Amino acid sequence: MYNANKPDASELPSTGRLLRSTGIAVVVASALLVTVVLPAEYGVDPTRIGSLLGLTEMGRVKMQLAQEAEAEAEAGAQAASPPPVASTAVPTTTAPTTESTGSGRTDETVITLAPDQGAEIKLVMEGGAKVTYVWASSGGPVNFDVHADRPGTPYHGYGKGSSKREEGELVAAFTGSHGWFWRNRTGAPVTISLKTTGAYTAVKRVV
């Protein structure tokens, strides 16, 4: 039987070479972690290299989207349960001003949000009903999510984004609660004014 020749001891890497190679690998991995992974995944950029490469903003967007997804899941879970009793704690809500119009009812609701706080306003609508709306933030752009829910359907999305002002028409996909969730990421308090006009029976604060 033929056995392969064993390598000579002189051909094997020495302990010193192995240690140097390991040390180089650790240094390279650490450098990549600090300059690429942390900025791209978490928006953390201690060396500022991530900003130059455009990675830091990508990481911050990822973190913000993850936070918003968590907030939406929380809002959906709370929407599936009976509406909570109105609280006087911040964020505050001014009672809607209601008037009757030829196209239904009109309400104007004002909400004040502290930094990083969220709030949700829902309209009770029949399937196919229409509402025109306009809302605006007194400060910078706020994150928003327009969606609906009903028993058995905890979340139905209409659209989301970041804006200082939005207006349009909302058509109810089904009979249930339809409206807006806002999150203030500006770093300062903001006041959101929402005006709605159309076919709905109630305005309720969910979060």
N, C-alpha and C. Protein backbone atom coordinates (compact mmCIF):
# COMPACT_ATOMS: atom_id res chain seq x y z
N MET A 1 0.85 -1.19 0.00
CA MET A 1 0.00 0.00 0.00
C MET A 1 0.88 1.24 0.00
N TYR A 2 0.48 2.23 -0.80
CA TYR A 2 1.28 3.45 -0.91
C TYR A 2 0.78 4.48 0.09
N ASN A 3 1.65 5.03 0.86
CA ASN A 3 1.31 6.10 1.81
C ASN A 3 1.95 7.39 1.34
N ALA A 4 1.17 8.45 1.37
CA ALA A 4 1.72 9.76 0.98
C ALA A 4 2.83 10.15 1.92
N ASN A 5 3.82 10.81 1.39
CA ASN A 5 4.93 11.25 2.23
C ASN A 5 4.47 12.33 3.19
N LYS A 6 4.86 12.20 4.40
CA LYS A 6 4.56 13.23 5.39
C LYS A 6 5.39 14.46 5.10
N PRO A 7 4.81 15.66 5.27
CA PRO A 7 5.60 16.88 5.02
C PRO A 7 6.73 17.00 6.02
N ASP A 8 7.78 17.56 5.54
CA ASP A 8 8.91 17.79 6.43
C ASP A 8 8.57 18.88 7.43
N ALA A 9 9.12 18.81 8.61
CA ALA A 9 8.82 19.79 9.66
C ALA A 9 9.16 21.20 9.22
N SER A 10 10.15 21.33 8.33
CA SER A 10 10.54 22.67 7.87
C SER A 10 9.50 23.29 6.96
N GLU A 11 8.63 22.41 6.38
CA GLU A 11 7.61 22.91 5.48
C GLU A 11 6.37 23.39 6.22
N LEU A 12 6.22 23.02 7.48
CA LEU A 12 5.05 23.42 8.26
C LEU A 12 5.25 24.82 8.82
N PRO A 13 4.14 25.60 8.91
CA PRO A 13 4.26 26.95 9.49
C PRO A 13 4.65 26.88 10.96
N SER A 14 5.49 27.78 11.35
CA SER A 14 5.92 27.80 12.75
C SER A 14 4.83 28.39 13.63
N THR A 15 4.97 28.18 14.93
CA THR A 15 4.00 28.74 15.88
C THR A 15 3.94 30.26 15.76
N GLY A 16 5.10 30.86 15.55
CA GLY A 16 5.13 32.32 15.41
C GLY A 16 4.35 32.80 14.21
N ARG A 17 4.49 32.07 13.08
CA ARG A 17 3.76 32.46 11.88
C ARG A 17 2.25 32.29 12.08
N LEU A 18 1.86 31.20 12.74
CA LEU A 18 0.43 30.98 13.02
C LEU A 18 -0.12 32.09 13.89
N LEU A 19 0.63 32.48 14.91
CA LEU A 19 0.17 33.55 15.79
C LEU A 19 0.05 34.87 15.04
N ARG A 20 1.04 35.13 14.15
CA ARG A 20 0.99 36.38 13.39
C ARG A 20 -0.22 36.38 12.45
N SER A 21 -0.45 35.23 11.80
CA SER A 21 -1.60 35.14 10.90
C SER A 21 -2.91 35.33 11.63
N THR A 22 -2.99 34.71 12.83
CA THR A 22 -4.20 34.87 13.65
C THR A 22 -4.39 36.32 14.06
N GLY A 23 -3.29 36.95 14.45
CA GLY A 23 -3.37 38.35 14.86
C GLY A 23 -3.81 39.26 13.73
N ILE A 24 -3.28 39.00 12.52
CA ILE A 24 -3.67 39.80 11.36
C ILE A 24 -5.16 39.62 11.06
N ALA A 25 -5.61 38.35 11.15
CA ALA A 25 -7.04 38.08 10.88
C ALA A 25 -7.93 38.80 11.88
N VAL A 26 -7.52 38.81 13.16
CA VAL A 26 -8.32 39.50 14.19
C VAL A 26 -8.37 40.99 13.92
N VAL A 27 -7.22 41.56 13.54
CA VAL A 27 -7.16 43.00 13.26
C VAL A 27 -8.05 43.36 12.08
N VAL A 28 -7.97 42.54 11.01
CA VAL A 28 -8.79 42.81 9.82
C VAL A 28 -10.27 42.69 10.15
N ALA A 29 -10.64 41.63 10.91
CA ALA A 29 -12.05 41.45 11.28
C ALA A 29 -12.54 42.61 12.13
N SER A 30 -11.71 43.06 13.07
CA SER A 30 -12.10 44.19 13.94
C SER A 30 -12.27 45.46 13.11
N ALA A 31 -11.36 45.66 12.16
CA ALA A 31 -11.46 46.86 11.31
C ALA A 31 -12.74 46.84 10.48
N LEU A 32 -13.07 45.66 9.92
CA LEU A 32 -14.31 45.55 9.14
C LEU A 32 -15.53 45.76 10.02
N LEU A 33 -15.49 45.26 11.24
CA LEU A 33 -16.61 45.44 12.17
C LEU A 33 -16.87 46.91 12.43
N VAL A 34 -15.79 47.66 12.70
CA VAL A 34 -15.92 49.06 13.07
C VAL A 34 -16.26 49.94 11.88
N THR A 35 -15.64 49.64 10.72
CA THR A 35 -15.80 50.54 9.57
C THR A 35 -16.93 50.16 8.64
N VAL A 36 -17.38 48.89 8.67
CA VAL A 36 -18.41 48.45 7.73
C VAL A 36 -19.66 47.91 8.43
N VAL A 37 -19.49 46.92 9.29
CA VAL A 37 -20.65 46.24 9.88
C VAL A 37 -21.45 47.15 10.78
N LEU A 38 -20.79 47.82 11.72
CA LEU A 38 -21.53 48.70 12.65
C LEU A 38 -22.26 49.83 11.92
N PRO A 39 -21.61 50.54 10.99
CA PRO A 39 -22.36 51.60 10.28
C PRO A 39 -23.50 51.04 9.43
N ALA A 40 -23.25 49.94 8.69
CA ALA A 40 -24.26 49.43 7.75
C ALA A 40 -25.43 48.78 8.45
N GLU A 41 -25.20 48.15 9.60
CA GLU A 41 -26.27 47.41 10.26
C GLU A 41 -26.93 48.19 11.39
N TYR A 42 -26.18 49.04 12.09
CA TYR A 42 -26.71 49.69 13.29
C TYR A 42 -26.62 51.22 13.25
N GLY A 43 -26.03 51.79 12.18
CA GLY A 43 -25.91 53.24 12.11
C GLY A 43 -24.90 53.81 13.07
N VAL A 44 -24.00 52.98 13.61
CA VAL A 44 -22.95 53.42 14.54
C VAL A 44 -21.65 53.59 13.76
N ASP A 45 -21.06 54.78 13.81
CA ASP A 45 -19.91 55.09 12.96
C ASP A 45 -18.82 55.79 13.75
N PRO A 46 -18.07 55.05 14.59
CA PRO A 46 -17.04 55.71 15.42
C PRO A 46 -15.88 56.27 14.61
N THR A 47 -15.61 55.73 13.41
CA THR A 47 -14.46 56.18 12.63
C THR A 47 -14.83 57.20 11.56
N ARG A 48 -16.14 57.41 11.30
CA ARG A 48 -16.66 58.30 10.26
C ARG A 48 -16.44 57.76 8.85
N ILE A 49 -15.79 56.60 8.73
CA ILE A 49 -15.58 56.00 7.41
C ILE A 49 -16.91 55.55 6.82
N GLY A 50 -17.78 55.04 7.68
CA GLY A 50 -19.09 54.59 7.22
C GLY A 50 -19.88 55.72 6.57
N SER A 51 -19.77 56.95 7.11
CA SER A 51 -20.46 58.09 6.51
C SER A 51 -19.91 58.41 5.13
N LEU A 52 -18.59 58.32 4.99
CA LEU A 52 -17.99 58.59 3.69
C LEU A 52 -18.41 57.56 2.65
N LEU A 53 -18.63 56.33 3.09
CA LEU A 53 -19.03 55.26 2.17
C LEU A 53 -20.54 55.17 1.99
N GLY A 54 -21.30 55.98 2.73
CA GLY A 54 -22.75 55.94 2.63
C GLY A 54 -23.39 54.80 3.40
N LEU A 55 -22.62 54.16 4.29
CA LEU A 55 -23.14 53.01 5.02
C LEU A 55 -23.90 53.41 6.28
N THR A 56 -23.51 54.52 6.89
CA THR A 56 -24.11 54.91 8.17
C THR A 56 -25.59 55.24 8.00
N GLU A 57 -25.93 55.98 6.95
CA GLU A 57 -27.33 56.33 6.72
C GLU A 57 -28.15 55.07 6.46
N MET A 58 -27.57 54.11 5.74
CA MET A 58 -28.27 52.86 5.49
C MET A 58 -28.56 52.12 6.79
N GLY A 59 -27.57 52.12 7.69
CA GLY A 59 -27.78 51.47 8.99
C GLY A 59 -28.83 52.16 9.82
N ARG A 60 -28.84 53.49 9.79
CA ARG A 60 -29.84 54.23 10.55
C ARG A 60 -31.24 53.98 10.02
N VAL A 61 -31.35 53.88 8.69
CA VAL A 61 -32.66 53.59 8.10
C VAL A 61 -33.13 52.19 8.52
N LYS A 62 -32.20 51.23 8.53
CA LYS A 62 -32.55 49.87 8.96
C LYS A 62 -33.06 49.86 10.40
N MET A 63 -32.37 50.58 11.28
CA MET A 63 -32.77 50.61 12.68
C MET A 63 -34.12 51.31 12.83
N GLN A 64 -34.33 52.38 12.07
CA GLN A 64 -35.59 53.11 12.16
C GLN A 64 -36.75 52.25 11.66
N LEU A 65 -36.53 51.53 10.56
CA LEU A 65 -37.57 50.65 10.04
C LEU A 65 -37.89 49.54 11.02
N ALA A 66 -36.86 49.02 11.70
CA ALA A 66 -37.10 47.97 12.69
C ALA A 66 -37.92 48.51 13.84
N GLN A 67 -37.62 49.74 14.28
CA GLN A 67 -38.38 50.34 15.37
C GLN A 67 -39.82 50.60 14.95
N GLU A 68 -40.00 51.07 13.70
CA GLU A 68 -41.36 51.32 13.24
C GLU A 68 -42.16 50.03 13.10
N ALA A 69 -41.50 48.95 12.65
CA ALA A 69 -42.19 47.67 12.54
C ALA A 69 -42.64 47.19 13.91
N GLU A 70 -41.78 47.40 14.92
CA GLU A 70 -42.15 47.02 16.29
C GLU A 70 -43.32 47.85 16.78
N ALA A 71 -43.29 49.16 16.46
CA ALA A 71 -44.39 50.04 16.88
C ALA A 71 -45.69 49.65 16.19
N GLU A 72 -45.61 49.27 14.90
CA GLU A 72 -46.81 48.87 14.17
C GLU A 72 -47.40 47.59 14.75
N ALA A 73 -46.51 46.65 15.11
CA ALA A 73 -47.00 45.40 15.70
C ALA A 73 -47.70 45.66 17.03
N GLU A 74 -47.11 46.59 17.80
CA GLU A 74 -47.72 46.94 19.09
C GLU A 74 -49.07 47.63 18.88
N ALA A 75 -49.11 48.52 17.87
CA ALA A 75 -50.37 49.22 17.59
C ALA A 75 -51.43 48.25 17.12
N GLY A 76 -51.03 47.27 16.29
CA GLY A 76 -51.99 46.29 15.81
C GLY A 76 -52.54 45.44 16.93
N ALA A 77 -51.67 45.06 17.88
CA ALA A 77 -52.12 44.25 19.01
C ALA A 77 -53.10 45.03 19.88
N GLN A 78 -52.81 46.33 20.08
CA GLN A 78 -53.71 47.13 20.90
C GLN A 78 -55.01 47.42 20.18
N ALA A 79 -54.94 47.54 18.84
CA ALA A 79 -56.16 47.81 18.08
C ALA A 79 -57.11 46.63 18.13
N ALA A 80 -56.57 45.41 18.28
CA ALA A 80 -57.42 44.23 18.33
C ALA A 80 -58.16 44.10 19.64
N SER A 81 -57.70 44.82 20.67
CA SER A 81 -58.35 44.79 21.97
C SER A 81 -59.27 45.98 22.11
N PRO A 82 -60.17 46.01 23.11
CA PRO A 82 -61.08 47.15 23.28
C PRO A 82 -60.30 48.44 23.46
N PRO A 83 -60.78 49.56 22.92
CA PRO A 83 -60.08 50.83 23.04
C PRO A 83 -59.86 51.20 24.50
N PRO A 84 -58.64 51.64 24.87
CA PRO A 84 -58.36 52.01 26.24
C PRO A 84 -59.05 53.31 26.63
N VAL A 85 -59.18 53.52 27.91
CA VAL A 85 -59.74 54.77 28.42
C VAL A 85 -58.77 55.89 28.11
N ALA A 86 -59.28 57.02 27.67
CA ALA A 86 -58.43 58.15 27.30
C ALA A 86 -57.56 58.56 28.47
N SER A 87 -56.30 58.87 28.19
CA SER A 87 -55.34 59.24 29.22
C SER A 87 -54.94 60.70 29.05
N THR A 88 -54.62 61.35 30.17
CA THR A 88 -54.18 62.74 30.12
C THR A 88 -52.67 62.82 29.99
N ALA A 89 -51.96 61.68 29.99
CA ALA A 89 -50.51 61.69 29.87
C ALA A 89 -50.11 62.05 28.44
N VAL A 90 -48.90 62.60 28.31
CA VAL A 90 -48.38 62.92 26.99
C VAL A 90 -48.19 61.61 26.24
N PRO A 91 -48.53 61.48 24.93
CA PRO A 91 -49.03 62.56 24.09
C PRO A 91 -50.47 62.95 24.39
N THR A 92 -50.79 64.22 24.21
CA THR A 92 -52.11 64.72 24.51
C THR A 92 -52.94 64.86 23.24
N THR A 93 -54.23 64.73 23.41
CA THR A 93 -55.15 64.85 22.28
C THR A 93 -56.24 65.85 22.60
N THR A 94 -56.44 66.80 21.71
CA THR A 94 -57.55 67.72 21.86
C THR A 94 -58.81 67.04 21.32
N ALA A 95 -59.90 67.15 22.07
CA ALA A 95 -61.15 66.51 21.66
C ALA A 95 -61.53 66.98 20.26
N PRO A 96 -61.92 66.05 19.36
CA PRO A 96 -62.25 66.43 17.99
C PRO A 96 -63.39 67.45 17.94
N THR A 97 -63.24 68.42 17.05
CA THR A 97 -64.31 69.38 16.78
C THR A 97 -65.13 68.84 15.62
N THR A 98 -66.42 68.59 15.86
CA THR A 98 -67.26 67.91 14.87
C THR A 98 -68.31 68.85 14.32
N GLU A 99 -68.55 68.74 13.01
CA GLU A 99 -69.65 69.46 12.38
C GLU A 99 -70.21 68.60 11.26
N SER A 100 -71.49 68.77 10.98
CA SER A 100 -72.15 68.00 9.92
C SER A 100 -72.04 68.75 8.61
N THR A 101 -71.79 67.99 7.54
CA THR A 101 -71.71 68.59 6.21
C THR A 101 -72.55 67.75 5.26
N GLY A 102 -72.73 68.26 4.04
CA GLY A 102 -73.51 67.53 3.07
C GLY A 102 -72.88 66.21 2.68
N SER A 103 -71.54 66.09 2.86
CA SER A 103 -70.83 64.86 2.48
C SER A 103 -70.56 63.97 3.68
N GLY A 104 -71.24 64.21 4.79
CA GLY A 104 -71.01 63.40 5.98
C GLY A 104 -70.69 64.29 7.17
N ARG A 105 -69.65 63.93 7.90
CA ARG A 105 -69.25 64.73 9.05
C ARG A 105 -67.81 65.20 8.87
N THR A 106 -67.47 66.24 9.59
CA THR A 106 -66.11 66.79 9.56
C THR A 106 -65.59 66.90 10.98
N ASP A 107 -64.37 66.45 11.19
CA ASP A 107 -63.72 66.55 12.49
C ASP A 107 -62.32 67.09 12.34
N GLU A 108 -61.92 67.85 13.34
CA GLU A 108 -60.53 68.31 13.41
C GLU A 108 -59.95 67.86 14.75
N THR A 109 -58.88 67.07 14.71
CA THR A 109 -58.26 66.50 15.90
C THR A 109 -56.82 66.98 15.99
N VAL A 110 -56.40 67.38 17.18
CA VAL A 110 -55.04 67.88 17.40
C VAL A 110 -54.34 67.00 18.43
N ILE A 111 -53.13 66.53 18.09
CA ILE A 111 -52.35 65.65 18.96
C ILE A 111 -50.96 66.26 19.16
N THR A 112 -50.48 66.26 20.39
CA THR A 112 -49.12 66.71 20.69
C THR A 112 -48.28 65.50 21.06
N LEU A 113 -47.15 65.33 20.36
CA LEU A 113 -46.26 64.19 20.60
C LEU A 113 -44.91 64.65 21.11
N ALA A 114 -44.45 64.04 22.20
CA ALA A 114 -43.09 64.26 22.67
C ALA A 114 -42.13 63.48 21.78
N PRO A 115 -40.82 63.76 21.86
CA PRO A 115 -39.86 63.01 21.04
C PRO A 115 -39.99 61.50 21.26
N ASP A 116 -39.98 60.75 20.15
CA ASP A 116 -40.03 59.28 20.13
C ASP A 116 -41.39 58.71 20.52
N GLN A 117 -42.39 59.54 20.76
CA GLN A 117 -43.70 59.02 21.10
C GLN A 117 -44.57 58.84 19.86
N GLY A 118 -45.55 57.94 19.98
CA GLY A 118 -46.45 57.66 18.88
C GLY A 118 -47.90 57.84 19.30
N ALA A 119 -48.78 57.97 18.32
CA ALA A 119 -50.21 58.10 18.58
C ALA A 119 -50.97 57.59 17.37
N GLU A 120 -52.19 57.14 17.62
CA GLU A 120 -53.00 56.59 16.53
C GLU A 120 -54.43 57.08 16.64
N ILE A 121 -54.96 57.55 15.52
CA ILE A 121 -56.35 57.98 15.42
C ILE A 121 -57.05 57.11 14.38
N LYS A 122 -58.20 56.56 14.75
CA LYS A 122 -58.94 55.70 13.83
C LYS A 122 -60.36 56.24 13.63
N LEU A 123 -60.88 56.05 12.41
CA LEU A 123 -62.25 56.38 12.07
C LEU A 123 -63.03 55.08 11.90
N VAL A 124 -64.23 55.02 12.44
CA VAL A 124 -65.09 53.84 12.29
C VAL A 124 -65.85 54.00 10.98
N MET A 125 -65.61 53.10 10.01
CA MET A 125 -66.16 53.26 8.67
C MET A 125 -66.75 51.94 8.16
N GLU A 126 -67.75 52.07 7.31
CA GLU A 126 -68.30 50.92 6.60
C GLU A 126 -67.43 50.64 5.37
N GLY A 127 -67.44 49.39 4.91
CA GLY A 127 -66.68 49.04 3.72
C GLY A 127 -67.12 49.86 2.52
N GLY A 128 -66.17 50.43 1.79
CA GLY A 128 -66.45 51.24 0.62
C GLY A 128 -66.67 52.71 0.92
N ALA A 129 -66.80 53.08 2.20
CA ALA A 129 -67.00 54.49 2.56
C ALA A 129 -65.73 55.29 2.25
N LYS A 130 -65.91 56.59 2.00
CA LYS A 130 -64.78 57.44 1.62
C LYS A 130 -64.62 58.61 2.60
N VAL A 131 -63.37 58.97 2.83
CA VAL A 131 -63.03 60.10 3.70
C VAL A 131 -61.90 60.88 3.05
N THR A 132 -62.05 62.19 2.95
CA THR A 132 -60.94 63.04 2.55
C THR A 132 -60.27 63.55 3.81
N TYR A 133 -58.95 63.72 3.75
CA TYR A 133 -58.21 64.10 4.95
C TYR A 133 -57.02 64.99 4.59
N VAL A 134 -56.59 65.72 5.57
CA VAL A 134 -55.34 66.47 5.49
C VAL A 134 -54.78 66.57 6.90
N TRP A 135 -53.49 66.28 7.05
CA TRP A 135 -52.85 66.45 8.35
C TRP A 135 -51.49 67.11 8.15
N ALA A 136 -51.06 67.81 9.20
CA ALA A 136 -49.79 68.53 9.12
C ALA A 136 -49.11 68.53 10.48
N SER A 137 -47.78 68.52 10.45
CA SER A 137 -46.96 68.56 11.66
C SER A 137 -46.44 69.98 11.87
N SER A 138 -46.47 70.44 13.11
CA SER A 138 -45.97 71.79 13.41
C SER A 138 -44.46 71.85 13.40
N GLY A 139 -43.79 70.68 13.52
CA GLY A 139 -42.33 70.63 13.51
C GLY A 139 -41.83 70.03 12.21
N GLY A 140 -40.83 69.14 12.33
CA GLY A 140 -40.28 68.49 11.15
C GLY A 140 -41.13 67.31 10.71
N PRO A 141 -40.67 66.57 9.70
CA PRO A 141 -41.41 65.40 9.22
C PRO A 141 -41.56 64.34 10.32
N VAL A 142 -42.70 63.67 10.34
CA VAL A 142 -42.94 62.58 11.28
C VAL A 142 -43.22 61.31 10.49
N ASN A 143 -42.92 60.17 11.07
CA ASN A 143 -43.21 58.89 10.43
C ASN A 143 -44.71 58.59 10.56
N PHE A 144 -45.30 58.09 9.48
CA PHE A 144 -46.73 57.80 9.53
C PHE A 144 -47.03 56.46 8.87
N ASP A 145 -48.13 55.86 9.29
CA ASP A 145 -48.58 54.58 8.74
C ASP A 145 -50.11 54.63 8.67
N VAL A 146 -50.66 54.58 7.45
CA VAL A 146 -52.10 54.58 7.26
C VAL A 146 -52.55 53.13 7.12
N HIS A 147 -53.44 52.70 7.99
CA HIS A 147 -53.85 51.29 7.98
C HIS A 147 -55.23 51.11 8.60
N ALA A 148 -55.69 49.86 8.60
CA ALA A 148 -57.02 49.55 9.12
C ALA A 148 -56.97 48.23 9.88
N ASP A 149 -58.03 47.97 10.66
CA ASP A 149 -58.14 46.69 11.35
C ASP A 149 -59.61 46.38 11.59
N ARG A 150 -59.87 45.12 11.85
CA ARG A 150 -61.20 44.64 12.23
C ARG A 150 -60.99 43.29 12.91
N PRO A 151 -61.99 42.76 13.59
CA PRO A 151 -61.85 41.44 14.20
C PRO A 151 -61.42 40.41 13.16
N GLY A 152 -60.32 39.73 13.42
CA GLY A 152 -59.80 38.75 12.48
C GLY A 152 -58.79 39.31 11.50
N THR A 153 -58.72 40.63 11.39
CA THR A 153 -57.74 41.30 10.52
C THR A 153 -57.05 42.39 11.33
N PRO A 154 -55.96 42.06 12.04
CA PRO A 154 -55.32 43.04 12.91
C PRO A 154 -54.60 44.16 12.17
N TYR A 155 -54.27 43.96 10.89
CA TYR A 155 -53.55 45.00 10.17
C TYR A 155 -53.81 44.90 8.67
N HIS A 156 -54.22 46.03 8.07
CA HIS A 156 -54.37 46.15 6.61
C HIS A 156 -53.77 47.50 6.22
N GLY A 157 -52.66 47.47 5.51
CA GLY A 157 -51.94 48.70 5.23
C GLY A 157 -52.43 49.43 3.99
N TYR A 158 -52.46 50.78 4.08
CA TYR A 158 -52.76 51.63 2.94
C TYR A 158 -51.52 52.37 2.44
N GLY A 159 -50.57 52.62 3.34
CA GLY A 159 -49.36 53.33 2.95
C GLY A 159 -48.63 53.85 4.17
N LYS A 160 -47.34 54.14 4.00
CA LYS A 160 -46.53 54.65 5.10
C LYS A 160 -45.39 55.49 4.54
N GLY A 161 -44.75 56.25 5.42
CA GLY A 161 -43.63 57.07 5.00
C GLY A 161 -43.24 58.06 6.07
N SER A 162 -42.57 59.12 5.66
CA SER A 162 -42.17 60.20 6.56
C SER A 162 -42.49 61.51 5.86
N SER A 163 -43.22 62.40 6.54
CA SER A 163 -43.67 63.62 5.89
C SER A 163 -44.04 64.66 6.94
N LYS A 164 -44.12 65.91 6.49
CA LYS A 164 -44.58 66.99 7.36
C LYS A 164 -46.06 67.30 7.11
N ARG A 165 -46.55 66.89 5.93
CA ARG A 165 -47.96 67.15 5.59
C ARG A 165 -48.42 66.13 4.56
N GLU A 166 -49.63 65.62 4.73
CA GLU A 166 -50.21 64.69 3.77
C GLU A 166 -51.70 64.99 3.61
N GLU A 167 -52.21 64.77 2.42
CA GLU A 167 -53.64 64.89 2.18
C GLU A 167 -54.05 63.90 1.10
N GLY A 168 -55.33 63.53 1.11
CA GLY A 168 -55.80 62.57 0.12
C GLY A 168 -57.17 62.04 0.47
N GLU A 169 -57.49 60.89 -0.12
CA GLU A 169 -58.77 60.24 0.13
C GLU A 169 -58.52 58.81 0.59
N LEU A 170 -59.23 58.42 1.63
CA LEU A 170 -59.14 57.07 2.15
C LEU A 170 -60.44 56.34 1.86
N VAL A 171 -60.35 55.20 1.17
CA VAL A 171 -61.52 54.38 0.86
C VAL A 171 -61.44 53.11 1.70
N ALA A 172 -62.43 52.88 2.54
CA ALA A 172 -62.40 51.75 3.45
C ALA A 172 -62.44 50.42 2.70
N ALA A 173 -61.45 49.58 2.92
CA ALA A 173 -61.39 48.27 2.26
C ALA A 173 -62.41 47.30 2.84
N PHE A 174 -62.84 47.58 4.08
CA PHE A 174 -63.83 46.73 4.74
C PHE A 174 -64.43 47.51 5.90
N THR A 175 -65.46 46.98 6.51
CA THR A 175 -66.06 47.62 7.68
C THR A 175 -65.15 47.42 8.88
N GLY A 176 -64.73 48.51 9.50
CA GLY A 176 -63.81 48.42 10.63
C GLY A 176 -63.26 49.78 10.99
N SER A 177 -62.06 49.78 11.56
CA SER A 177 -61.40 51.02 11.99
C SER A 177 -60.27 51.35 11.01
N HIS A 178 -60.24 52.61 10.56
CA HIS A 178 -59.28 53.03 9.54
C HIS A 178 -58.67 54.36 9.97
N GLY A 179 -57.34 54.47 9.84
CA GLY A 179 -56.74 55.73 10.25
C GLY A 179 -55.23 55.76 10.19
N TRP A 180 -54.64 56.55 11.10
CA TRP A 180 -53.24 56.94 11.01
C TRP A 180 -52.51 56.66 12.32
N PHE A 181 -51.27 56.18 12.16
CA PHE A 181 -50.35 56.08 13.30
C PHE A 181 -49.16 56.97 13.00
N TRP A 182 -48.80 57.83 13.95
CA TRP A 182 -47.65 58.72 13.79
C TRP A 182 -46.60 58.42 14.86
N ARG A 183 -45.33 58.60 14.50
CA ARG A 183 -44.22 58.49 15.45
C ARG A 183 -43.32 59.70 15.25
N ASN A 184 -43.04 60.41 16.36
CA ASN A 184 -42.23 61.63 16.32
C ASN A 184 -40.76 61.28 16.52
N ARG A 185 -39.96 61.37 15.46
CA ARG A 185 -38.52 61.12 15.53
C ARG A 185 -37.71 62.40 15.36
N THR A 186 -38.33 63.56 15.56
CA THR A 186 -37.65 64.83 15.28
C THR A 186 -36.71 65.27 16.40
N GLY A 187 -36.87 64.73 17.62
CA GLY A 187 -36.05 65.16 18.74
C GLY A 187 -36.65 66.32 19.51
N ALA A 188 -37.82 66.80 19.08
CA ALA A 188 -38.50 67.90 19.77
C ALA A 188 -40.01 67.65 19.70
N PRO A 189 -40.79 68.22 20.62
CA PRO A 189 -42.25 68.03 20.57
C PRO A 189 -42.83 68.57 19.26
N VAL A 190 -43.85 67.90 18.76
CA VAL A 190 -44.56 68.36 17.57
C VAL A 190 -46.06 68.28 17.83
N THR A 191 -46.80 69.09 17.13
CA THR A 191 -48.26 69.04 17.18
C THR A 191 -48.79 68.66 15.81
N ILE A 192 -49.62 67.63 15.77
CA ILE A 192 -50.20 67.16 14.51
C ILE A 192 -51.68 67.53 14.48
N SER A 193 -52.08 68.22 13.43
CA SER A 193 -53.48 68.59 13.24
C SER A 193 -54.06 67.76 12.11
N LEU A 194 -55.14 67.04 12.39
CA LEU A 194 -55.78 66.17 11.41
C LEU A 194 -57.20 66.64 11.16
N LYS A 195 -57.55 66.86 9.89
CA LYS A 195 -58.92 67.22 9.52
C LYS A 195 -59.47 66.15 8.59
N THR A 196 -60.63 65.61 8.96
CA THR A 196 -61.26 64.55 8.17
C THR A 196 -62.69 64.95 7.81
N THR A 197 -63.10 64.58 6.60
CA THR A 197 -64.46 64.84 6.14
C THR A 197 -64.94 63.64 5.35
N GLY A 198 -66.12 63.12 5.72
CA GLY A 198 -66.65 62.00 4.94
C GLY A 198 -67.59 61.11 5.72
N ALA A 199 -67.71 59.87 5.25
CA ALA A 199 -68.69 58.92 5.79
C ALA A 199 -68.05 58.03 6.85
N TYR A 200 -68.12 58.45 8.09
CA TYR A 200 -67.66 57.64 9.22
C TYR A 200 -68.53 57.98 10.42
N THR A 201 -68.56 57.08 11.38
CA THR A 201 -69.48 57.27 12.51
C THR A 201 -68.80 57.70 13.78
N ALA A 202 -67.48 57.55 13.88
CA ALA A 202 -66.80 57.92 15.13
C ALA A 202 -65.32 58.14 14.88
N VAL A 203 -64.72 58.94 15.75
CA VAL A 203 -63.27 59.15 15.78
C VAL A 203 -62.79 58.63 17.12
N LYS A 204 -61.79 57.76 17.11
CA LYS A 204 -61.31 57.21 18.38
C LYS A 204 -59.79 57.23 18.45
N ARG A 205 -59.32 57.49 19.65
CA ARG A 205 -57.88 57.43 19.92
C ARG A 205 -57.56 56.01 20.38
N VAL A 206 -56.66 55.33 19.65
CA VAL A 206 -56.33 53.95 19.97
C VAL A 206 -55.06 53.86 20.79
N VAL A 207 -54.02 54.60 20.43
CA VAL A 207 -52.75 54.60 21.17
C VAL A 207 -52.48 55.98 21.68
